[in-house]
Amino acid sequence: MPNAGLDPYACDCGWLERAANDPSVPIGFDAQVNEYFLRAGTPGGVEAHHVIRFCPNCGGDSPVSHRAALFEVITPEEAVRLQELWKGLRTRDDVVKAWGPPDEEILNGYGETEPERAGEATRSVSFDIMRYNKLSPTAVVDVILRAGDRVMFSYSTKPKTSERPGR
């Protein structure tokens, strides 16, 4: 793909495009996000896609991804507001009293693996999640239910939807 001199490191050998157009090669192109990907199978039979960041032939950059345009932007002010929103909430009951019941409950939705220690096997644990979709116009808030009914919070960007006004 010629890059018209915009990015001196961009791939311009055309290998990725040729590979994506060859049905015998496990490489595809997602036009919506402008990304090439490697197809891979999973044990459950689901196809997984691994984004290709560099051309395997010339080492040049793959096209600039448009993936970020699919998601809302969480401003620094909104991030601070969210952190203030959960300040002082320590247990599941605290959260439900403050925010009401969750929009979703996800069993084993969050996992952690402990770092390796000399002479010890690693251990992985899973925790349930209470998800709140309506606390923010741009973020989804997850309440991770830890041992002893303690909670931990995280947030992530919401996908943009065409249903939102002005879209």
N, C-alpha and C. Protein backbone atom coordinates (compact mmCIF):
# COMPACT_ATOMS: atom_id res chain seq x y z
N MET A 1 0.85 -1.19 0.00
CA MET A 1 0.00 0.00 0.00
C MET A 1 0.89 1.24 0.00
N PRO A 2 0.89 1.97 -1.06
CA PRO A 2 1.69 3.19 -1.08
C PRO A 2 1.19 4.16 -0.03
N ASN A 3 2.12 4.81 0.66
CA ASN A 3 1.69 5.70 1.74
C ASN A 3 1.89 7.16 1.40
N ALA A 4 2.21 7.45 0.16
CA ALA A 4 2.32 8.82 -0.35
C ALA A 4 3.21 9.69 0.53
N GLY A 5 4.23 9.08 1.15
CA GLY A 5 5.19 9.85 1.92
C GLY A 5 4.70 10.33 3.27
N LEU A 6 3.51 9.88 3.71
CA LEU A 6 2.97 10.35 4.98
C LEU A 6 3.71 9.75 6.17
N ASP A 7 4.04 8.49 6.09
CA ASP A 7 4.72 7.80 7.18
C ASP A 7 5.94 7.11 6.60
N PRO A 8 7.13 7.59 6.91
CA PRO A 8 8.32 6.99 6.31
C PRO A 8 8.53 5.53 6.73
N TYR A 9 7.82 5.07 7.76
CA TYR A 9 7.98 3.71 8.24
C TYR A 9 6.85 2.79 7.80
N ALA A 10 5.88 3.31 7.06
CA ALA A 10 4.73 2.52 6.65
C ALA A 10 5.13 1.47 5.62
N CYS A 11 4.45 0.34 5.67
CA CYS A 11 4.65 -0.72 4.68
C CYS A 11 4.20 -0.20 3.33
N ASP A 12 5.04 -0.38 2.34
CA ASP A 12 4.61 -0.03 0.99
C ASP A 12 4.94 -1.14 0.00
N CYS A 13 5.19 -2.36 0.54
CA CYS A 13 5.53 -3.48 -0.34
C CYS A 13 4.29 -4.20 -0.85
N GLY A 14 3.12 -4.00 -0.21
CA GLY A 14 1.87 -4.61 -0.67
C GLY A 14 1.65 -6.04 -0.22
N TRP A 15 2.57 -6.60 0.57
CA TRP A 15 2.44 -8.00 0.97
C TRP A 15 1.17 -8.24 1.77
N LEU A 16 0.87 -7.39 2.74
CA LEU A 16 -0.32 -7.60 3.58
C LEU A 16 -1.60 -7.62 2.74
N GLU A 17 -1.71 -6.70 1.83
CA GLU A 17 -2.91 -6.65 0.98
C GLU A 17 -3.02 -7.91 0.12
N ARG A 18 -1.91 -8.34 -0.47
CA ARG A 18 -1.93 -9.56 -1.29
C ARG A 18 -2.29 -10.77 -0.43
N ALA A 19 -1.71 -10.86 0.78
CA ALA A 19 -2.00 -11.99 1.67
C ALA A 19 -3.47 -12.01 2.07
N ALA A 20 -4.04 -10.84 2.37
CA ALA A 20 -5.45 -10.77 2.78
C ALA A 20 -6.39 -11.17 1.64
N ASN A 21 -5.95 -11.00 0.41
CA ASN A 21 -6.77 -11.36 -0.74
C ASN A 21 -6.56 -12.80 -1.20
N ASP A 22 -5.64 -13.51 -0.56
CA ASP A 22 -5.35 -14.90 -0.90
C ASP A 22 -6.07 -15.81 0.09
N PRO A 23 -7.08 -16.55 -0.34
CA PRO A 23 -7.85 -17.39 0.60
C PRO A 23 -7.03 -18.49 1.27
N SER A 24 -5.85 -18.81 0.74
CA SER A 24 -5.04 -19.86 1.35
C SER A 24 -4.17 -19.34 2.48
N VAL A 25 -4.15 -18.03 2.69
CA VAL A 25 -3.33 -17.42 3.74
C VAL A 25 -4.27 -16.98 4.87
N PRO A 26 -3.95 -17.28 6.14
CA PRO A 26 -4.85 -16.95 7.26
C PRO A 26 -4.75 -15.49 7.71
N ILE A 27 -4.75 -14.58 6.75
CA ILE A 27 -4.69 -13.14 7.04
C ILE A 27 -5.92 -12.49 6.44
N GLY A 28 -6.54 -11.60 7.21
CA GLY A 28 -7.71 -10.89 6.74
C GLY A 28 -7.55 -9.40 6.95
N PHE A 29 -8.52 -8.66 6.46
CA PHE A 29 -8.53 -7.21 6.61
C PHE A 29 -9.90 -6.79 7.08
N ASP A 30 -9.95 -5.99 8.13
CA ASP A 30 -11.21 -5.45 8.66
C ASP A 30 -11.29 -3.99 8.25
N ALA A 31 -12.10 -3.71 7.25
CA ALA A 31 -12.19 -2.36 6.70
C ALA A 31 -12.77 -1.37 7.71
N GLN A 32 -13.64 -1.84 8.61
CA GLN A 32 -14.26 -0.93 9.58
C GLN A 32 -13.21 -0.28 10.47
N VAL A 33 -12.19 -1.03 10.88
CA VAL A 33 -11.16 -0.48 11.75
C VAL A 33 -9.82 -0.29 11.04
N ASN A 34 -9.76 -0.65 9.74
CA ASN A 34 -8.56 -0.47 8.93
C ASN A 34 -7.38 -1.27 9.48
N GLU A 35 -7.65 -2.56 9.83
CA GLU A 35 -6.62 -3.41 10.41
C GLU A 35 -6.50 -4.73 9.67
N TYR A 36 -5.26 -5.17 9.49
CA TYR A 36 -5.00 -6.53 9.03
C TYR A 36 -4.92 -7.40 10.28
N PHE A 37 -5.31 -8.68 10.14
CA PHE A 37 -5.29 -9.58 11.28
C PHE A 37 -4.92 -10.98 10.85
N LEU A 38 -4.38 -11.74 11.80
CA LEU A 38 -4.06 -13.14 11.61
C LEU A 38 -5.21 -13.94 12.21
N ARG A 39 -5.78 -14.86 11.42
CA ARG A 39 -6.84 -15.72 11.93
C ARG A 39 -6.23 -16.87 12.71
N ALA A 40 -6.84 -17.20 13.83
CA ALA A 40 -6.38 -18.34 14.62
C ALA A 40 -7.60 -19.00 15.25
N GLY A 41 -7.54 -20.29 15.41
CA GLY A 41 -8.64 -21.01 16.04
C GLY A 41 -8.44 -21.08 17.54
N THR A 42 -9.52 -21.29 18.25
CA THR A 42 -9.45 -21.47 19.69
C THR A 42 -9.93 -22.88 20.02
N PRO A 43 -9.62 -23.38 21.22
CA PRO A 43 -10.06 -24.74 21.58
C PRO A 43 -11.58 -24.93 21.47
N GLY A 44 -12.35 -23.87 21.67
CA GLY A 44 -13.80 -23.97 21.57
C GLY A 44 -14.32 -23.85 20.15
N GLY A 45 -13.42 -23.74 19.18
CA GLY A 45 -13.83 -23.67 17.79
C GLY A 45 -14.16 -22.26 17.31
N VAL A 46 -13.93 -21.27 18.14
CA VAL A 46 -14.21 -19.88 17.77
C VAL A 46 -12.99 -19.31 17.07
N GLU A 47 -13.22 -18.53 16.02
CA GLU A 47 -12.10 -17.90 15.33
C GLU A 47 -11.64 -16.67 16.10
N ALA A 48 -10.34 -16.59 16.33
CA ALA A 48 -9.76 -15.42 17.00
C ALA A 48 -8.99 -14.60 15.97
N HIS A 49 -8.93 -13.31 16.19
CA HIS A 49 -8.18 -12.42 15.30
C HIS A 49 -7.08 -11.74 16.10
N HIS A 50 -5.85 -11.80 15.60
CA HIS A 50 -4.71 -11.14 16.21
C HIS A 50 -4.27 -10.02 15.28
N VAL A 51 -4.32 -8.79 15.75
CA VAL A 51 -4.01 -7.63 14.91
C VAL A 51 -2.54 -7.67 14.51
N ILE A 52 -2.29 -7.38 13.25
CA ILE A 52 -0.93 -7.33 12.72
C ILE A 52 -0.49 -5.87 12.71
N ARG A 53 0.53 -5.55 13.48
CA ARG A 53 1.01 -4.17 13.61
C ARG A 53 2.11 -3.82 12.61
N PHE A 54 2.84 -4.86 12.14
CA PHE A 54 3.95 -4.65 11.21
C PHE A 54 3.89 -5.68 10.09
N CYS A 55 4.29 -5.31 8.92
CA CYS A 55 4.32 -6.21 7.78
C CYS A 55 5.41 -7.26 8.00
N PRO A 56 5.06 -8.55 7.92
CA PRO A 56 6.07 -9.59 8.12
C PRO A 56 7.10 -9.64 6.99
N ASN A 57 6.78 -9.05 5.85
CA ASN A 57 7.69 -9.08 4.71
C ASN A 57 8.73 -7.97 4.77
N CYS A 58 8.29 -6.72 4.99
CA CYS A 58 9.23 -5.60 4.95
C CYS A 58 9.47 -4.96 6.32
N GLY A 59 8.64 -5.29 7.33
CA GLY A 59 8.80 -4.72 8.65
C GLY A 59 8.16 -3.35 8.81
N GLY A 60 7.55 -2.85 7.75
CA GLY A 60 6.91 -1.54 7.83
C GLY A 60 5.64 -1.57 8.66
N ASP A 61 5.22 -0.38 9.10
CA ASP A 61 3.98 -0.25 9.88
C ASP A 61 2.79 -0.68 9.05
N SER A 62 1.85 -1.36 9.68
CA SER A 62 0.58 -1.64 9.01
C SER A 62 -0.23 -0.34 9.01
N PRO A 63 -1.36 -0.30 8.30
CA PRO A 63 -2.13 0.94 8.25
C PRO A 63 -2.56 1.42 9.63
N VAL A 64 -2.77 2.71 9.76
CA VAL A 64 -3.22 3.29 11.02
C VAL A 64 -4.62 2.76 11.34
N SER A 65 -4.76 2.24 12.55
CA SER A 65 -6.03 1.68 12.98
C SER A 65 -7.04 2.79 13.29
N HIS A 66 -8.30 2.50 12.99
CA HIS A 66 -9.40 3.42 13.32
C HIS A 66 -10.23 2.86 14.48
N ARG A 67 -9.71 1.86 15.17
CA ARG A 67 -10.45 1.19 16.25
C ARG A 67 -10.91 2.18 17.33
N ALA A 68 -10.07 3.13 17.68
CA ALA A 68 -10.42 4.08 18.75
C ALA A 68 -11.69 4.86 18.43
N ALA A 69 -11.97 5.06 17.15
CA ALA A 69 -13.17 5.81 16.76
C ALA A 69 -14.46 5.07 17.09
N LEU A 70 -14.36 3.79 17.42
CA LEU A 70 -15.55 3.00 17.77
C LEU A 70 -15.97 3.19 19.22
N PHE A 71 -15.12 3.87 20.01
CA PHE A 71 -15.38 3.99 21.45
C PHE A 71 -15.47 5.45 21.88
N GLU A 72 -16.23 5.66 22.93
CA GLU A 72 -16.33 6.99 23.53
C GLU A 72 -14.98 7.38 24.12
N VAL A 73 -14.85 8.63 24.49
CA VAL A 73 -13.64 9.12 25.13
C VAL A 73 -13.98 9.45 26.59
N ILE A 74 -13.20 8.92 27.51
CA ILE A 74 -13.38 9.26 28.92
C ILE A 74 -12.42 10.41 29.20
N THR A 75 -12.98 11.57 29.49
CA THR A 75 -12.14 12.74 29.77
C THR A 75 -11.48 12.60 31.13
N PRO A 76 -10.40 13.32 31.36
CA PRO A 76 -9.79 13.29 32.70
C PRO A 76 -10.78 13.71 33.78
N GLU A 77 -11.65 14.67 33.46
CA GLU A 77 -12.65 15.13 34.43
C GLU A 77 -13.63 14.01 34.77
N GLU A 78 -14.04 13.23 33.74
CA GLU A 78 -14.96 12.12 33.99
C GLU A 78 -14.28 11.03 34.80
N ALA A 79 -13.01 10.78 34.56
CA ALA A 79 -12.27 9.78 35.33
C ALA A 79 -12.21 10.18 36.80
N VAL A 80 -11.97 11.45 37.07
CA VAL A 80 -11.93 11.94 38.45
C VAL A 80 -13.32 11.83 39.08
N ARG A 81 -14.36 12.18 38.31
CA ARG A 81 -15.73 12.09 38.82
C ARG A 81 -16.07 10.65 39.20
N LEU A 82 -15.67 9.70 38.37
CA LEU A 82 -15.96 8.29 38.66
C LEU A 82 -15.24 7.84 39.93
N GLN A 83 -13.99 8.25 40.07
CA GLN A 83 -13.25 7.86 41.27
C GLN A 83 -13.87 8.46 42.53
N GLU A 84 -14.38 9.66 42.42
CA GLU A 84 -15.08 10.28 43.56
C GLU A 84 -16.39 9.54 43.85
N LEU A 85 -17.03 9.05 42.80
CA LEU A 85 -18.31 8.36 42.93
C LEU A 85 -18.19 7.10 43.80
N TRP A 86 -17.07 6.40 43.69
CA TRP A 86 -16.92 5.18 44.49
C TRP A 86 -16.09 5.36 45.74
N LYS A 87 -15.68 6.59 46.01
CA LYS A 87 -14.91 6.87 47.23
C LYS A 87 -15.75 6.47 48.45
N GLY A 88 -15.17 5.71 49.34
CA GLY A 88 -15.86 5.30 50.56
C GLY A 88 -16.69 4.04 50.42
N LEU A 89 -16.87 3.53 49.20
CA LEU A 89 -17.62 2.29 49.02
C LEU A 89 -16.65 1.12 49.19
N ARG A 90 -16.91 0.28 50.18
CA ARG A 90 -15.96 -0.78 50.51
C ARG A 90 -16.50 -2.19 50.29
N THR A 91 -17.83 -2.33 50.36
CA THR A 91 -18.43 -3.67 50.25
C THR A 91 -19.52 -3.66 49.18
N ARG A 92 -19.96 -4.88 48.86
CA ARG A 92 -21.05 -5.04 47.88
C ARG A 92 -22.28 -4.28 48.36
N ASP A 93 -22.60 -4.40 49.64
CA ASP A 93 -23.78 -3.72 50.17
C ASP A 93 -23.65 -2.20 50.05
N ASP A 94 -22.46 -1.66 50.31
CA ASP A 94 -22.24 -0.22 50.15
C ASP A 94 -22.58 0.21 48.72
N VAL A 95 -22.12 -0.56 47.75
CA VAL A 95 -22.33 -0.23 46.34
C VAL A 95 -23.81 -0.28 45.99
N VAL A 96 -24.47 -1.35 46.39
CA VAL A 96 -25.90 -1.51 46.05
C VAL A 96 -26.73 -0.42 46.73
N LYS A 97 -26.38 -0.05 47.98
CA LYS A 97 -27.10 1.04 48.65
C LYS A 97 -26.91 2.36 47.93
N ALA A 98 -25.70 2.60 47.43
CA ALA A 98 -25.39 3.88 46.77
C ALA A 98 -25.91 3.94 45.33
N TRP A 99 -25.81 2.86 44.60
CA TRP A 99 -26.09 2.89 43.16
C TRP A 99 -27.28 2.05 42.73
N GLY A 100 -27.83 1.24 43.64
CA GLY A 100 -28.92 0.35 43.27
C GLY A 100 -28.38 -0.95 42.69
N PRO A 101 -29.27 -1.82 42.23
CA PRO A 101 -28.82 -3.10 41.69
C PRO A 101 -28.03 -2.88 40.40
N PRO A 102 -27.10 -3.79 40.10
CA PRO A 102 -26.30 -3.64 38.88
C PRO A 102 -27.13 -3.90 37.63
N ASP A 103 -26.64 -3.39 36.50
CA ASP A 103 -27.28 -3.66 35.21
C ASP A 103 -26.99 -5.08 34.75
N GLU A 104 -25.83 -5.60 35.15
CA GLU A 104 -25.43 -6.97 34.79
C GLU A 104 -24.64 -7.56 35.94
N GLU A 105 -24.74 -8.88 36.09
CA GLU A 105 -23.87 -9.60 37.01
C GLU A 105 -23.14 -10.66 36.20
N ILE A 106 -21.82 -10.66 36.28
CA ILE A 106 -21.00 -11.55 35.47
C ILE A 106 -20.23 -12.48 36.40
N LEU A 107 -20.62 -13.76 36.38
CA LEU A 107 -19.94 -14.73 37.23
C LEU A 107 -18.54 -15.01 36.70
N ASN A 108 -17.57 -15.00 37.59
CA ASN A 108 -16.17 -15.24 37.22
C ASN A 108 -15.71 -14.31 36.09
N GLY A 109 -16.16 -13.07 36.12
CA GLY A 109 -15.87 -12.13 35.05
C GLY A 109 -14.51 -11.46 35.12
N TYR A 110 -13.81 -11.62 36.24
CA TYR A 110 -12.50 -10.99 36.41
C TYR A 110 -11.55 -12.02 36.99
N GLY A 111 -10.37 -12.13 36.44
CA GLY A 111 -9.41 -13.11 36.94
C GLY A 111 -8.05 -12.49 37.18
N GLU A 112 -7.34 -13.05 38.13
CA GLU A 112 -5.97 -12.63 38.44
C GLU A 112 -5.11 -13.87 38.57
N THR A 113 -3.88 -13.75 38.11
CA THR A 113 -2.89 -14.81 38.31
C THR A 113 -1.75 -14.21 39.10
N GLU A 114 -1.41 -14.88 40.19
CA GLU A 114 -0.32 -14.39 41.04
C GLU A 114 1.01 -14.52 40.30
N PRO A 115 1.95 -13.64 40.57
CA PRO A 115 3.27 -13.79 39.96
C PRO A 115 3.97 -15.04 40.48
N GLU A 116 4.89 -15.58 39.68
CA GLU A 116 5.64 -16.76 40.10
C GLU A 116 6.52 -16.44 41.30
N ARG A 117 6.62 -17.43 42.18
CA ARG A 117 7.52 -17.32 43.33
C ARG A 117 8.39 -18.56 43.32
N ALA A 118 9.59 -18.42 43.77
CA ALA A 118 10.53 -19.54 43.79
C ALA A 118 9.93 -20.73 44.54
N GLY A 119 9.89 -21.86 43.87
CA GLY A 119 9.43 -23.09 44.51
C GLY A 119 7.93 -23.22 44.68
N GLU A 120 7.15 -22.27 44.17
CA GLU A 120 5.70 -22.33 44.32
C GLU A 120 5.03 -22.23 42.96
N ALA A 121 3.95 -22.96 42.81
CA ALA A 121 3.17 -22.88 41.58
C ALA A 121 2.33 -21.60 41.59
N THR A 122 2.09 -21.05 40.42
CA THR A 122 1.23 -19.86 40.36
C THR A 122 -0.21 -20.28 40.64
N ARG A 123 -0.98 -19.34 41.07
CA ARG A 123 -2.38 -19.59 41.40
C ARG A 123 -3.22 -18.54 40.70
N SER A 124 -4.30 -18.97 40.09
CA SER A 124 -5.24 -18.05 39.45
C SER A 124 -6.55 -18.09 40.20
N VAL A 125 -7.17 -16.92 40.35
CA VAL A 125 -8.46 -16.82 41.01
C VAL A 125 -9.40 -16.00 40.15
N SER A 126 -10.69 -16.26 40.27
CA SER A 126 -11.71 -15.52 39.54
C SER A 126 -12.67 -14.87 40.52
N PHE A 127 -13.18 -13.71 40.12
CA PHE A 127 -14.13 -12.97 40.95
C PHE A 127 -15.34 -12.59 40.11
N ASP A 128 -16.49 -12.48 40.77
CA ASP A 128 -17.70 -12.03 40.09
C ASP A 128 -17.65 -10.51 39.92
N ILE A 129 -18.41 -10.03 38.94
CA ILE A 129 -18.47 -8.60 38.64
C ILE A 129 -19.92 -8.13 38.68
N MET A 130 -20.13 -6.97 39.25
CA MET A 130 -21.39 -6.24 39.11
C MET A 130 -21.08 -5.10 38.13
N ARG A 131 -21.82 -5.03 37.03
CA ARG A 131 -21.54 -4.02 35.99
C ARG A 131 -22.64 -2.96 35.99
N TYR A 132 -22.19 -1.71 35.96
CA TYR A 132 -23.09 -0.55 35.90
C TYR A 132 -22.83 0.20 34.58
N ASN A 133 -23.85 0.25 33.74
CA ASN A 133 -23.73 0.89 32.42
C ASN A 133 -24.25 2.32 32.40
N LYS A 134 -24.98 2.72 33.43
CA LYS A 134 -25.67 4.02 33.39
C LYS A 134 -25.09 5.08 34.32
N LEU A 135 -23.96 4.81 34.94
CA LEU A 135 -23.36 5.79 35.85
C LEU A 135 -22.62 6.89 35.09
N SER A 136 -22.31 6.64 33.83
CA SER A 136 -21.52 7.58 33.05
C SER A 136 -21.96 7.51 31.59
N PRO A 137 -21.94 8.65 30.89
CA PRO A 137 -22.28 8.60 29.46
C PRO A 137 -21.17 7.98 28.61
N THR A 138 -19.95 7.90 29.14
CA THR A 138 -18.83 7.41 28.33
C THR A 138 -18.14 6.17 28.90
N ALA A 139 -18.46 5.78 30.12
CA ALA A 139 -17.75 4.66 30.76
C ALA A 139 -18.70 3.61 31.30
N VAL A 140 -18.21 2.38 31.29
CA VAL A 140 -18.86 1.26 31.96
C VAL A 140 -18.07 1.04 33.25
N VAL A 141 -18.76 0.92 34.38
CA VAL A 141 -18.09 0.73 35.66
C VAL A 141 -18.31 -0.71 36.12
N ASP A 142 -17.20 -1.38 36.39
CA ASP A 142 -17.25 -2.74 36.92
C ASP A 142 -16.88 -2.72 38.40
N VAL A 143 -17.68 -3.41 39.19
CA VAL A 143 -17.40 -3.59 40.61
C VAL A 143 -16.98 -5.04 40.77
N ILE A 144 -15.73 -5.25 41.10
CA ILE A 144 -15.18 -6.59 41.23
C ILE A 144 -15.35 -7.03 42.68
N LEU A 145 -16.07 -8.14 42.85
CA LEU A 145 -16.38 -8.63 44.20
C LEU A 145 -15.25 -9.51 44.69
N ARG A 146 -14.48 -8.99 45.61
CA ARG A 146 -13.31 -9.69 46.14
C ARG A 146 -13.70 -10.56 47.34
N ALA A 147 -12.73 -11.26 47.88
CA ALA A 147 -12.98 -12.09 49.05
C ALA A 147 -13.48 -11.24 50.21
N GLY A 148 -14.34 -11.81 51.02
CA GLY A 148 -14.88 -11.11 52.19
C GLY A 148 -15.84 -10.00 51.81
N ASP A 149 -16.43 -10.09 50.64
CA ASP A 149 -17.40 -9.11 50.15
C ASP A 149 -16.79 -7.72 49.93
N ARG A 150 -15.47 -7.64 49.90
CA ARG A 150 -14.79 -6.37 49.59
C ARG A 150 -14.90 -6.13 48.09
N VAL A 151 -14.77 -4.87 47.70
CA VAL A 151 -14.92 -4.54 46.29
C VAL A 151 -13.71 -3.79 45.76
N MET A 152 -13.53 -3.90 44.45
CA MET A 152 -12.51 -3.17 43.72
C MET A 152 -13.21 -2.64 42.47
N PHE A 153 -12.82 -1.47 42.00
CA PHE A 153 -13.51 -0.83 40.89
C PHE A 153 -12.61 -0.71 39.66
N SER A 154 -13.23 -0.77 38.50
CA SER A 154 -12.55 -0.47 37.26
C SER A 154 -13.56 0.15 36.31
N TYR A 155 -13.05 0.84 35.30
CA TYR A 155 -13.96 1.37 34.29
C TYR A 155 -13.30 1.25 32.93
N SER A 156 -14.14 1.20 31.91
CA SER A 156 -13.67 1.11 30.53
C SER A 156 -14.59 1.93 29.64
N THR A 157 -14.10 2.24 28.47
CA THR A 157 -14.89 3.07 27.56
C THR A 157 -16.07 2.30 27.00
N LYS A 158 -17.15 3.02 26.77
CA LYS A 158 -18.32 2.44 26.14
C LYS A 158 -18.13 2.47 24.63
N PRO A 159 -18.66 1.47 23.95
CA PRO A 159 -18.65 1.55 22.49
C PRO A 159 -19.63 2.64 22.05
N LYS A 160 -19.28 3.33 20.97
CA LYS A 160 -20.20 4.31 20.41
C LYS A 160 -21.35 3.55 19.76
N THR A 161 -22.54 4.13 19.86
CA THR A 161 -23.70 3.51 19.22
C THR A 161 -24.37 4.54 18.34
N SER A 162 -25.00 4.07 17.31
CA SER A 162 -25.71 4.98 16.41
C SER A 162 -27.01 5.47 17.05
N GLU A 163 -27.41 4.84 18.16
CA GLU A 163 -28.65 5.23 18.83
C GLU A 163 -28.50 6.53 19.62
N ARG A 164 -27.26 6.92 19.90
CA ARG A 164 -27.04 8.12 20.70
C ARG A 164 -27.31 9.36 19.86
N PRO A 165 -27.92 10.38 20.44
CA PRO A 165 -28.20 11.61 19.69
C PRO A 165 -26.90 12.21 19.13
N GLY A 166 -26.99 12.76 17.96
CA GLY A 166 -25.84 13.42 17.35
C GLY A 166 -24.89 12.46 16.66
N ARG A 167 -25.28 11.22 16.50
CA ARG A 167 -24.41 10.23 15.85
C ARG A 167 -24.92 9.91 14.47
